[in-house]
Amino acid sequence: MSQGNKYAPALEVLERTLSFPCAYVIKAFGPCSPEFEAGVLALAKDALSAECVRLQGIKTTRSGDRMSVSVELSVDSAEQIVAAYASMSGCPGLITLM
């Protein structure tokens, strides 16, 4: 874990395994609702600029009560990825980030 964020990969691992700039995908899991989807996107955009965030896809569970929201980030550094995890971890209803 990096900088106290329980979801983000270690900064050193990101720097060692990725070539920047690059695209990086984070999946947020939570309740199946438009509010959760909007919250995930808004918090990602808070961490980066709106131009650097793109909704990649949404999947719902068979029961329809949970969803995953995949967000693609255009990043220039590992610090931006960690910042996105930190911001998105504050989303109401969040179960986990991957």
PDB file of N, CA and C in Angstrom:
ATOM      1  N   MET A   1       0.851  -1.183   0.000  1.00  0.00           N
ATOM      2  CA  MET A   1       0.000   0.000   0.000  1.00  0.00           C
ATOM      3  C   MET A   1       0.889   1.235   0.000  1.00  0.00           C
ATOM      4  N   SER A   2       0.343   2.299  -0.509  1.00  0.00           N
ATOM      5  CA  SER A   2       1.154   3.491  -0.686  1.00  0.00           C
ATOM      6  C   SER A   2       0.517   4.679   0.007  1.00  0.00           C
ATOM      7  N   GLN A   3       1.328   5.411   0.716  1.00  0.00           N
ATOM      8  CA  GLN A   3       0.917   6.658   1.352  1.00  0.00           C
ATOM      9  C   GLN A   3      -0.366   6.510   2.154  1.00  0.00           C
ATOM     10  N   GLY A   4      -0.522   5.404   2.863  1.00  0.00           N
ATOM     11  CA  GLY A   4      -1.666   5.241   3.736  1.00  0.00           C
ATOM     12  C   GLY A   4      -2.980   4.934   3.038  1.00  0.00           C
ATOM     13  N   ASN A   5      -2.987   4.798   1.709  1.00  0.00           N
ATOM     14  CA  ASN A   5      -4.216   4.481   0.990  1.00  0.00           C
ATOM     15  C   ASN A   5      -4.332   2.972   0.878  1.00  0.00           C
ATOM     16  N   LYS A   6      -5.398   2.407   1.425  1.00  0.00           N
ATOM     17  CA  LYS A   6      -5.522   0.946   1.450  1.00  0.00           C
ATOM     18  C   LYS A   6      -5.814   0.337   0.085  1.00  0.00           C
ATOM     19  N   TYR A   7      -6.147   1.135  -0.894  1.00  0.00           N
ATOM     20  CA  TYR A   7      -6.474   0.610  -2.222  1.00  0.00           C
ATOM     21  C   TYR A   7      -5.347   0.748  -3.237  1.00  0.00           C
ATOM     22  N   ALA A   8      -4.564   1.775  -3.158  1.00  0.00           N
ATOM     23  CA  ALA A   8      -3.552   2.075  -4.182  1.00  0.00           C
ATOM     24  C   ALA A   8      -2.368   1.125  -4.121  1.00  0.00           C
ATOM     25  N   PRO A   9      -1.874   0.725  -5.286  1.00  0.00           N
ATOM     26  CA  PRO A   9      -0.612  -0.022  -5.310  1.00  0.00           C
ATOM     27  C   PRO A   9       0.508   0.881  -4.786  1.00  0.00           C
ATOM     28  N   ALA A  10       1.585   0.280  -4.358  1.00  0.00           N
ATOM     29  CA  ALA A  10       2.728   1.053  -3.870  1.00  0.00           C
ATOM     30  C   ALA A  10       3.276   1.943  -4.981  1.00  0.00           C
ATOM     31  N   LEU A  11       3.616   3.141  -4.619  1.00  0.00           N
ATOM     32  CA  LEU A  11       4.159   4.110  -5.560  1.00  0.00           C
ATOM     33  C   LEU A  11       5.378   3.531  -6.287  1.00  0.00           C
ATOM     34  N   GLU A  12       6.244   2.853  -5.548  1.00  0.00           N
ATOM     35  CA  GLU A  12       7.454   2.272  -6.123  1.00  0.00           C
ATOM     36  C   GLU A  12       7.115   1.196  -7.160  1.00  0.00           C
ATOM     37  N   VAL A  13       6.084   0.422  -6.901  1.00  0.00           N
ATOM     38  CA  VAL A  13       5.668  -0.626  -7.842  1.00  0.00           C
ATOM     39  C   VAL A  13       5.142   0.005  -9.127  1.00  0.00           C
ATOM     40  N   LEU A  14       4.320   1.035  -8.992  1.00  0.00           N
ATOM     41  CA  LEU A  14       3.791   1.731 -10.167  1.00  0.00           C
ATOM     42  C   LEU A  14       4.923   2.312 -11.004  1.00  0.00           C
ATOM     43  N   GLU A  15       5.889   2.942 -10.349  1.00  0.00           N
ATOM     44  CA  GLU A  15       7.007   3.556 -11.067  1.00  0.00           C
ATOM     45  C   GLU A  15       7.880   2.513 -11.767  1.00  0.00           C
ATOM     46  N   ARG A  16       8.017   1.340 -11.160  1.00  0.00           N
ATOM     47  CA  ARG A  16       8.855   0.290 -11.709  1.00  0.00           C
ATOM     48  C   ARG A  16       8.174  -0.465 -12.860  1.00  0.00           C
ATOM     49  N   THR A  17       6.843  -0.560 -12.827  1.00  0.00           N
ATOM     50  CA  THR A  17       6.151  -1.408 -13.798  1.00  0.00           C
ATOM     51  C   THR A  17       5.459  -0.664 -14.933  1.00  0.00           C
ATOM     52  N   LEU A  18       5.312   0.633 -14.808  1.00  0.00           N
ATOM     53  CA  LEU A  18       4.628   1.402 -15.849  1.00  0.00           C
ATOM     54  C   LEU A  18       5.585   2.360 -16.530  1.00  0.00           C
ATOM     55  N   SER A  19       5.307   2.673 -17.791  1.00  0.00           N
ATOM     56  CA  SER A  19       6.044   3.695 -18.532  1.00  0.00           C
ATOM     57  C   SER A  19       5.111   4.882 -18.704  1.00  0.00           C
ATOM     58  N   PHE A  20       5.522   6.019 -18.205  1.00  0.00           N
ATOM     59  CA  PHE A  20       4.678   7.214 -18.257  1.00  0.00           C
ATOM     60  C   PHE A  20       5.072   8.085 -19.430  1.00  0.00           C
ATOM     61  N   PRO A  21       4.110   8.800 -20.024  1.00  0.00           N
ATOM     62  CA  PRO A  21       2.664   8.806 -19.737  1.00  0.00           C
ATOM     63  C   PRO A  21       2.015   7.504 -20.200  1.00  0.00           C
ATOM     64  N   CYS A  22       0.872   7.190 -19.584  1.00  0.00           N
ATOM     65  CA  CYS A  22       0.161   5.971 -19.938  1.00  0.00           C
ATOM     66  C   CYS A  22      -1.305   6.067 -19.543  1.00  0.00           C
ATOM     67  N   ALA A  23      -2.063   5.088 -19.992  1.00  0.00           N
ATOM     68  CA  ALA A  23      -3.452   4.939 -19.567  1.00  0.00           C
ATOM     69  C   ALA A  23      -3.470   3.929 -18.424  1.00  0.00           C
ATOM     70  N   TYR A  24      -4.298   4.176 -17.415  1.00  0.00           N
ATOM     71  CA  TYR A  24      -4.383   3.297 -16.248  1.00  0.00           C
ATOM     72  C   TYR A  24      -5.857   3.155 -15.900  1.00  0.00           C
ATOM     73  N   VAL A  25      -6.305   1.932 -15.666  1.00  0.00           N
ATOM     74  CA  VAL A  25      -7.714   1.678 -15.375  1.00  0.00           C
ATOM     75  C   VAL A  25      -7.899   1.343 -13.902  1.00  0.00           C
ATOM     76  N   ILE A  26      -8.871   1.998 -13.290  1.00  0.00           N
ATOM     77  CA  ILE A  26      -9.285   1.698 -11.916  1.00  0.00           C
ATOM     78  C   ILE A  26     -10.739   1.255 -11.971  1.00  0.00           C
ATOM     79  N   LYS A  27     -11.049   0.162 -11.264  1.00  0.00           N
ATOM     80  CA  LYS A  27     -12.427  -0.319 -11.167  1.00  0.00           C
ATOM     81  C   LYS A  27     -12.930  -0.061  -9.755  1.00  0.00           C
ATOM     82  N   ALA A  28     -14.084   0.564  -9.673  1.00  0.00           N
ATOM     83  CA  ALA A  28     -14.732   0.831  -8.390  1.00  0.00           C
ATOM     84  C   ALA A  28     -15.957  -0.060  -8.275  1.00  0.00           C
ATOM     85  N   PHE A  29     -16.086  -0.737  -7.137  1.00  0.00           N
ATOM     86  CA  PHE A  29     -17.226  -1.614  -6.896  1.00  0.00           C
ATOM     87  C   PHE A  29     -18.099  -1.014  -5.804  1.00  0.00           C
ATOM     88  N   GLY A  30     -19.412  -0.991  -6.044  1.00  0.00           N
ATOM     89  CA  GLY A  30     -20.332  -0.427  -5.070  1.00  0.00           C
ATOM     90  C   GLY A  30     -21.770  -0.717  -5.452  1.00  0.00           C
ATOM     91  N   PRO A  31     -22.701   0.036  -4.870  1.00  0.00           N
ATOM     92  CA  PRO A  31     -24.119  -0.201  -5.151  1.00  0.00           C
ATOM     93  C   PRO A  31     -24.469   0.156  -6.591  1.00  0.00           C
ATOM     94  N   CYS A  32     -25.446  -0.527  -7.135  1.00  0.00           N
ATOM     95  CA  CYS A  32     -25.898  -0.264  -8.492  1.00  0.00           C
ATOM     96  C   CYS A  32     -26.832   0.947  -8.459  1.00  0.00           C
ATOM     97  N   SER A  33     -26.253   2.106  -8.755  1.00  0.00           N
ATOM     98  CA  SER A  33     -27.060   3.328  -8.756  1.00  0.00           C
ATOM     99  C   SER A  33     -26.381   4.391  -9.615  1.00  0.00           C
ATOM    100  N   PRO A  34     -27.172   5.283 -10.198  1.00  0.00           N
ATOM    101  CA  PRO A  34     -26.588   6.383 -10.970  1.00  0.00           C
ATOM    102  C   PRO A  34     -25.723   7.284 -10.093  1.00  0.00           C
ATOM    103  N   GLU A  35     -26.075   7.386  -8.812  1.00  0.00           N
ATOM    104  CA  GLU A  35     -25.317   8.237  -7.889  1.00  0.00           C
ATOM    105  C   GLU A  35     -23.902   7.682  -7.672  1.00  0.00           C
ATOM    106  N   PHE A  36     -23.807   6.356  -7.560  1.00  0.00           N
ATOM    107  CA  PHE A  36     -22.485   5.753  -7.379  1.00  0.00           C
ATOM    108  C   PHE A  36     -21.628   5.982  -8.624  1.00  0.00           C
ATOM    109  N   GLU A  37     -22.188   5.729  -9.788  1.00  0.00           N
ATOM    110  CA  GLU A  37     -21.451   5.954 -11.039  1.00  0.00           C
ATOM    111  C   GLU A  37     -20.982   7.402 -11.147  1.00  0.00           C
ATOM    112  N   ALA A  38     -21.880   8.335 -10.896  1.00  0.00           N
ATOM    113  CA  ALA A  38     -21.533   9.759 -10.986  1.00  0.00           C
ATOM    114  C   ALA A  38     -20.489  10.132  -9.948  1.00  0.00           C
ATOM    115  N   GLY A  39     -20.600   9.575  -8.755  1.00  0.00           N
ATOM    116  CA  GLY A  39     -19.641   9.872  -7.697  1.00  0.00           C
ATOM    117  C   GLY A  39     -18.241   9.401  -8.035  1.00  0.00           C
ATOM    118  N   VAL A  40     -18.135   8.198  -8.576  1.00  0.00           N
ATOM    119  CA  VAL A  40     -16.836   7.659  -8.973  1.00  0.00           C
ATOM    120  C   VAL A  40     -16.193   8.568 -10.020  1.00  0.00           C
ATOM    121  N   LEU A  41     -16.952   8.937 -11.034  1.00  0.00           N
ATOM    122  CA  LEU A  41     -16.415   9.801 -12.092  1.00  0.00           C
ATOM    123  C   LEU A  41     -16.025  11.175 -11.561  1.00  0.00           C
ATOM    124  N   ALA A  42     -16.874  11.752 -10.731  1.00  0.00           N
ATOM    125  CA  ALA A  42     -16.596  13.084 -10.189  1.00  0.00           C
ATOM    126  C   ALA A  42     -15.328  13.081  -9.338  1.00  0.00           C
ATOM    127  N   LEU A  43     -15.154  12.054  -8.522  1.00  0.00           N
ATOM    128  CA  LEU A  43     -13.975  11.997  -7.659  1.00  0.00           C
ATOM    129  C   LEU A  43     -12.704  11.750  -8.465  1.00  0.00           C
ATOM    130  N   ALA A  44     -12.788  10.962  -9.531  1.00  0.00           N
ATOM    131  CA  ALA A  44     -11.629  10.774 -10.410  1.00  0.00           C
ATOM    132  C   ALA A  44     -11.259  12.099 -11.064  1.00  0.00           C
ATOM    133  N   LYS A  45     -12.259  12.843 -11.491  1.00  0.00           N
ATOM    134  CA  LYS A  45     -12.012  14.144 -12.125  1.00  0.00           C
ATOM    135  C   LYS A  45     -11.496  15.166 -11.123  1.00  0.00           C
ATOM    136  N   ASP A  46     -11.849  15.009  -9.840  1.00  0.00           N
ATOM    137  CA  ASP A  46     -11.304  15.888  -8.803  1.00  0.00           C
ATOM    138  C   ASP A  46      -9.799  15.680  -8.650  1.00  0.00           C
ATOM    139  N   ALA A  47      -9.356  14.425  -8.791  1.00  0.00           N
ATOM    140  CA  ALA A  47      -7.943  14.104  -8.625  1.00  0.00           C
ATOM    141  C   ALA A  47      -7.116  14.518  -9.840  1.00  0.00           C
ATOM    142  N   LEU A  48      -7.709  14.405 -11.018  1.00  0.00           N
ATOM    143  CA  LEU A  48      -7.052  14.764 -12.274  1.00  0.00           C
ATOM    144  C   LEU A  48      -7.930  15.796 -12.971  1.00  0.00           C
ATOM    145  N   SER A  49      -7.573  16.191 -14.146  1.00  0.00           N
ATOM    146  CA  SER A  49      -8.468  17.079 -14.885  1.00  0.00           C
ATOM    147  C   SER A  49      -9.522  16.230 -15.596  1.00  0.00           C
ATOM    148  N   ALA A  50     -10.647  16.833 -15.918  1.00  0.00           N
ATOM    149  CA  ALA A  50     -11.741  16.115 -16.574  1.00  0.00           C
ATOM    150  C   ALA A  50     -11.299  15.489 -17.886  1.00  0.00           C
ATOM    151  N   GLU A  51     -10.368  16.131 -18.585  1.00  0.00           N
ATOM    152  CA  GLU A  51      -9.887  15.611 -19.862  1.00  0.00           C
ATOM    153  C   GLU A  51      -9.090  14.316 -19.704  1.00  0.00           C
ATOM    154  N   CYS A  52      -8.613  14.040 -18.503  1.00  0.00           N
ATOM    155  CA  CYS A  52      -7.777  12.857 -18.250  1.00  0.00           C
ATOM    156  C   CYS A  52      -8.581  11.656 -17.762  1.00  0.00           C
ATOM    157  N   VAL A  53      -9.894  11.799 -17.675  1.00  0.00           N
ATOM    158  CA  VAL A  53     -10.745  10.735 -17.123  1.00  0.00           C
ATOM    159  C   VAL A  53     -11.787  10.334 -18.159  1.00  0.00           C
ATOM    160  N   ARG A  54     -11.897   9.010 -18.378  1.00  0.00           N
ATOM    161  CA  ARG A  54     -12.884   8.507 -19.327  1.00  0.00           C
ATOM    162  C   ARG A  54     -13.569   7.282 -18.735  1.00  0.00           C
ATOM    163  N   LEU A  55     -14.885   7.267 -18.813  1.00  0.00           N
ATOM    164  CA  LEU A  55     -15.637   6.089 -18.388  1.00  0.00           C
ATOM    165  C   LEU A  55     -15.346   4.973 -19.375  1.00  0.00           C
ATOM    166  N   GLN A  56     -14.799   3.863 -18.888  1.00  0.00           N
ATOM    167  CA  GLN A  56     -14.474   2.747 -19.777  1.00  0.00           C
ATOM    168  C   GLN A  56     -15.620   1.745 -19.857  1.00  0.00           C
ATOM    169  N   GLY A  57     -16.348   1.566 -18.758  1.00  0.00           N
ATOM    170  CA  GLY A  57     -17.455   0.622 -18.800  1.00  0.00           C
ATOM    171  C   GLY A  57     -18.097   0.424 -17.446  1.00  0.00           C
ATOM    172  N   ILE A  58     -19.297  -0.150 -17.498  1.00  0.00           N
ATOM    173  CA  ILE A  58     -20.065  -0.443 -16.290  1.00  0.00           C
ATOM    174  C   ILE A  58     -20.586  -1.866 -16.417  1.00  0.00           C
ATOM    175  N   LYS A  59     -20.467  -2.620 -15.338  1.00  0.00           N
ATOM    176  CA  LYS A  59     -21.043  -3.964 -15.286  1.00  0.00           C
ATOM    177  C   LYS A  59     -21.826  -4.091 -13.996  1.00  0.00           C
ATOM    178  N   THR A  60     -22.966  -4.759 -14.097  1.00  0.00           N
ATOM    179  CA  THR A  60     -23.773  -4.996 -12.897  1.00  0.00           C
ATOM    180  C   THR A  60     -23.748  -6.484 -12.566  1.00  0.00           C
ATOM    181  N   THR A  61     -23.961  -6.777 -11.293  1.00  0.00           N
ATOM    182  CA  THR A  61     -24.034  -8.171 -10.873  1.00  0.00           C
ATOM    183  C   THR A  61     -25.334  -8.773 -11.398  1.00  0.00           C
ATOM    184  N   ARG A  62     -25.401 -10.091 -11.402  1.00  0.00           N
ATOM    185  CA  ARG A  62     -26.625 -10.766 -11.860  1.00  0.00           C
ATOM    186  C   ARG A  62     -27.828 -10.352 -11.038  1.00  0.00           C
ATOM    187  N   SER A  63     -27.622 -10.147  -9.757  1.00  0.00           N
ATOM    188  CA  SER A  63     -28.735  -9.753  -8.888  1.00  0.00           C
ATOM    189  C   SER A  63     -29.141  -8.298  -9.113  1.00  0.00           C
ATOM    190  N   GLY A  64     -28.256  -7.513  -9.726  1.00  0.00           N
ATOM    191  CA  GLY A  64     -28.580  -6.119 -10.022  1.00  0.00           C
ATOM    192  C   GLY A  64     -28.411  -5.168  -8.859  1.00  0.00           C
ATOM    193  N   ASP A  65     -27.842  -5.630  -7.756  1.00  0.00           N
ATOM    194  CA  ASP A  65     -27.703  -4.733  -6.610  1.00  0.00           C
ATOM    195  C   ASP A  65     -26.325  -4.093  -6.493  1.00  0.00           C
ATOM    196  N   ARG A  66     -25.334  -4.592  -7.239  1.00  0.00           N
ATOM    197  CA  ARG A  66     -23.979  -4.049  -7.213  1.00  0.00           C
ATOM    198  C   ARG A  66     -23.494  -3.802  -8.640  1.00  0.00           C
ATOM    199  N   MET A  67     -22.497  -2.914  -8.752  1.00  0.00           N
ATOM    200  CA  MET A  67     -21.938  -2.598 -10.058  1.00  0.00           C
ATOM    201  C   MET A  67     -20.447  -2.326  -9.940  1.00  0.00           C
ATOM    202  N   SER A  68     -19.763  -2.479 -11.072  1.00  0.00           N
ATOM    203  CA  SER A  68     -18.378  -2.020 -11.164  1.00  0.00           C
ATOM    204  C   SER A  68     -18.346  -0.906 -12.199  1.00  0.00           C
ATOM    205  N   VAL A  69     -17.614   0.130 -11.872  1.00  0.00           N
ATOM    206  CA  VAL A  69     -17.431   1.266 -12.766  1.00  0.00           C
ATOM    207  C   VAL A  69     -15.951   1.320 -13.109  1.00  0.00           C
ATOM    208  N   SER A  70     -15.620   1.105 -14.376  1.00  0.00           N
ATOM    209  CA  SER A  70     -14.226   1.139 -14.829  1.00  0.00           C
ATOM    210  C   SER A  70     -13.931   2.511 -15.404  1.00  0.00           C
ATOM    211  N   VAL A  71     -12.886   3.125 -14.879  1.00  0.00           N
ATOM    212  CA  VAL A  71     -12.494   4.469 -15.286  1.00  0.00           C
ATOM    213  C   VAL A  71     -11.075   4.420 -15.828  1.00  0.00           C
ATOM    214  N   GLU A  72     -10.883   4.923 -17.040  1.00  0.00           N
ATOM    215  CA  GLU A  72      -9.545   4.993 -17.623  1.00  0.00           C
ATOM    216  C   GLU A  72      -8.969   6.378 -17.366  1.00  0.00           C
ATOM    217  N   LEU A  73      -7.773   6.394 -16.815  1.00  0.00           N
ATOM    218  CA  LEU A  73      -7.085   7.647 -16.499  1.00  0.00           C
ATOM    219  C   LEU A  73      -5.897   7.820 -17.438  1.00  0.00           C
ATOM    220  N   SER A  74      -5.715   9.005 -17.952  1.00  0.00           N
ATOM    221  CA  SER A  74      -4.509   9.349 -18.706  1.00  0.00           C
ATOM    222  C   SER A  74      -3.581  10.042 -17.722  1.00  0.00           C
ATOM    223  N   VAL A  75      -2.481   9.381 -17.368  1.00  0.00           N
ATOM    224  CA  VAL A  75      -1.617   9.886 -16.302  1.00  0.00           C
ATOM    225  C   VAL A  75      -0.186  10.082 -16.784  1.00  0.00           C
ATOM    226  N   ASP A  76       0.493  11.012 -16.107  1.00  0.00           N
ATOM    227  CA  ASP A  76       1.889  11.315 -16.393  1.00  0.00           C
ATOM    228  C   ASP A  76       2.829  10.820 -15.307  1.00  0.00           C
ATOM    229  N   SER A  77       2.259  10.353 -14.177  1.00  0.00           N
ATOM    230  CA  SER A  77       3.103   9.929 -13.060  1.00  0.00           C
ATOM    231  C   SER A  77       2.366   8.956 -12.156  1.00  0.00           C
ATOM    232  N   ALA A  78       3.140   8.221 -11.379  1.00  0.00           N
ATOM    233  CA  ALA A  78       2.576   7.309 -10.394  1.00  0.00           C
ATOM    234  C   ALA A  78       1.820   8.083  -9.311  1.00  0.00           C
ATOM    235  N   GLU A  79       2.284   9.272  -9.006  1.00  0.00           N
ATOM    236  CA  GLU A  79       1.627  10.100  -7.996  1.00  0.00           C
ATOM    237  C   GLU A  79       0.185  10.416  -8.385  1.00  0.00           C
ATOM    238  N   GLN A  80      -0.074  10.609  -9.683  1.00  0.00           N
ATOM    239  CA  GLN A  80      -1.435  10.868 -10.144  1.00  0.00           C
ATOM    240  C   GLN A  80      -2.329   9.653  -9.922  1.00  0.00           C
ATOM    241  N   ILE A  81      -1.800   8.465 -10.109  1.00  0.00           N
ATOM    242  CA  ILE A  81      -2.580   7.250  -9.883  1.00  0.00           C
ATOM    243  C   ILE A  81      -2.936   7.133  -8.412  1.00  0.00           C
ATOM    244  N   VAL A  82      -1.955   7.338  -7.550  1.00  0.00           N
ATOM    245  CA  VAL A  82      -2.192   7.267  -6.106  1.00  0.00           C
ATOM    246  C   VAL A  82      -3.206   8.326  -5.687  1.00  0.00           C
ATOM    247  N   ALA A  83      -3.117   9.517  -6.259  1.00  0.00           N
ATOM    248  CA  ALA A  83      -4.072  10.583  -5.943  1.00  0.00           C
ATOM    249  C   ALA A  83      -5.485  10.203  -6.376  1.00  0.00           C
ATOM    250  N   ALA A  84      -5.618   9.549  -7.518  1.00  0.00           N
ATOM    251  CA  ALA A  84      -6.935   9.115  -7.992  1.00  0.00           C
ATOM    252  C   ALA A  84      -7.524   8.080  -7.052  1.00  0.00           C
ATOM    253  N   TYR A  85      -6.717   7.102  -6.639  1.00  0.00           N
ATOM    254  CA  TYR A  85      -7.198   6.107  -5.661  1.00  0.00           C
ATOM    255  C   TYR A  85      -7.655   6.795  -4.375  1.00  0.00           C
ATOM    256  N   ALA A  86      -6.853   7.733  -3.894  1.00  0.00           N
ATOM    257  CA  ALA A  86      -7.190   8.429  -2.649  1.00  0.00           C
ATOM    258  C   ALA A  86      -8.512   9.176  -2.777  1.00  0.00           C
ATOM    259  N   SER A  87      -8.694   9.867  -3.884  1.00  0.00           N
ATOM    260  CA  SER A  87      -9.925  10.621  -4.104  1.00  0.00           C
ATOM    261  C   SER A  87     -11.127   9.693  -4.248  1.00  0.00           C
ATOM    262  N   MET A  88     -10.988   8.661  -5.068  1.00  0.00           N
ATOM    263  CA  MET A  88     -12.102   7.758  -5.335  1.00  0.00           C
ATOM    264  C   MET A  88     -12.465   6.921  -4.116  1.00  0.00           C
ATOM    265  N   SER A  89     -11.542   6.735  -3.203  1.00  0.00           N
ATOM    266  CA  SER A  89     -11.825   5.939  -2.000  1.00  0.00           C
ATOM    267  C   SER A  89     -12.854   6.625  -1.106  1.00  0.00           C
ATOM    268  N   GLY A  90     -13.113   7.893  -1.345  1.00  0.00           N
ATOM    269  CA  GLY A  90     -14.118   8.626  -0.571  1.00  0.00           C
ATOM    270  C   GLY A  90     -15.518   8.547  -1.142  1.00  0.00           C
ATOM    271  N   CYS A  91     -15.726   7.734  -2.154  1.00  0.00           N
ATOM    272  CA  CYS A  91     -17.048   7.643  -2.786  1.00  0.00           C
ATOM    273  C   CYS A  91     -18.055   6.945  -1.850  1.00  0.00           C
ATOM    274  N   PRO A  92     -19.193   7.560  -1.587  1.00  0.00           N
ATOM    275  CA  PRO A  92     -20.208   6.913  -0.748  1.00  0.00           C
ATOM    276  C   PRO A  92     -20.657   5.577  -1.335  1.00  0.00           C
ATOM    277  N   GLY A  93     -20.710   4.560  -0.487  1.00  0.00           N
ATOM    278  CA  GLY A  93     -21.146   3.241  -0.914  1.00  0.00           C
ATOM    279  C   GLY A  93     -20.043   2.357  -1.458  1.00  0.00           C
ATOM    280  N   LEU A  94     -18.833   2.898  -1.612  1.00  0.00           N
ATOM    281  CA  LEU A  94     -17.727   2.143  -2.183  1.00  0.00           C
ATOM    282  C   LEU A  94     -17.476   0.862  -1.390  1.00  0.00           C
ATOM    283  N   ILE A  95     -17.326  -0.249  -2.103  1.00  0.00           N
ATOM    284  CA  ILE A  95     -16.957  -1.516  -1.484  1.00  0.00           C
ATOM    285  C   ILE A  95     -15.452  -1.711  -1.615  1.00  0.00           C
ATOM    286  N   THR A  96     -14.925  -1.552  -2.831  1.00  0.00           N
ATOM    287  CA  THR A  96     -13.483  -1.661  -3.046  1.00  0.00           C
ATOM    288  C   THR A  96     -13.096  -1.018  -4.366  1.00  0.00           C
ATOM    289  N   LEU A  97     -11.795  -0.748  -4.488  1.00  0.00           N
ATOM    290  CA  LEU A  97     -11.199  -0.246  -5.734  1.00  0.00           C
ATOM    291  C   LEU A  97     -10.127  -1.225  -6.167  1.00  0.00           C
ATOM    292  N   MET A  98     -10.049  -1.438  -7.467  1.00  0.00           N
ATOM    293  CA  MET A  98      -8.998  -2.304  -8.017  1.00  0.00           C
ATOM    294  C   MET A  98      -8.367  -1.630  -9.213  1.00  0.00           C
TER     295      MET A  98
END
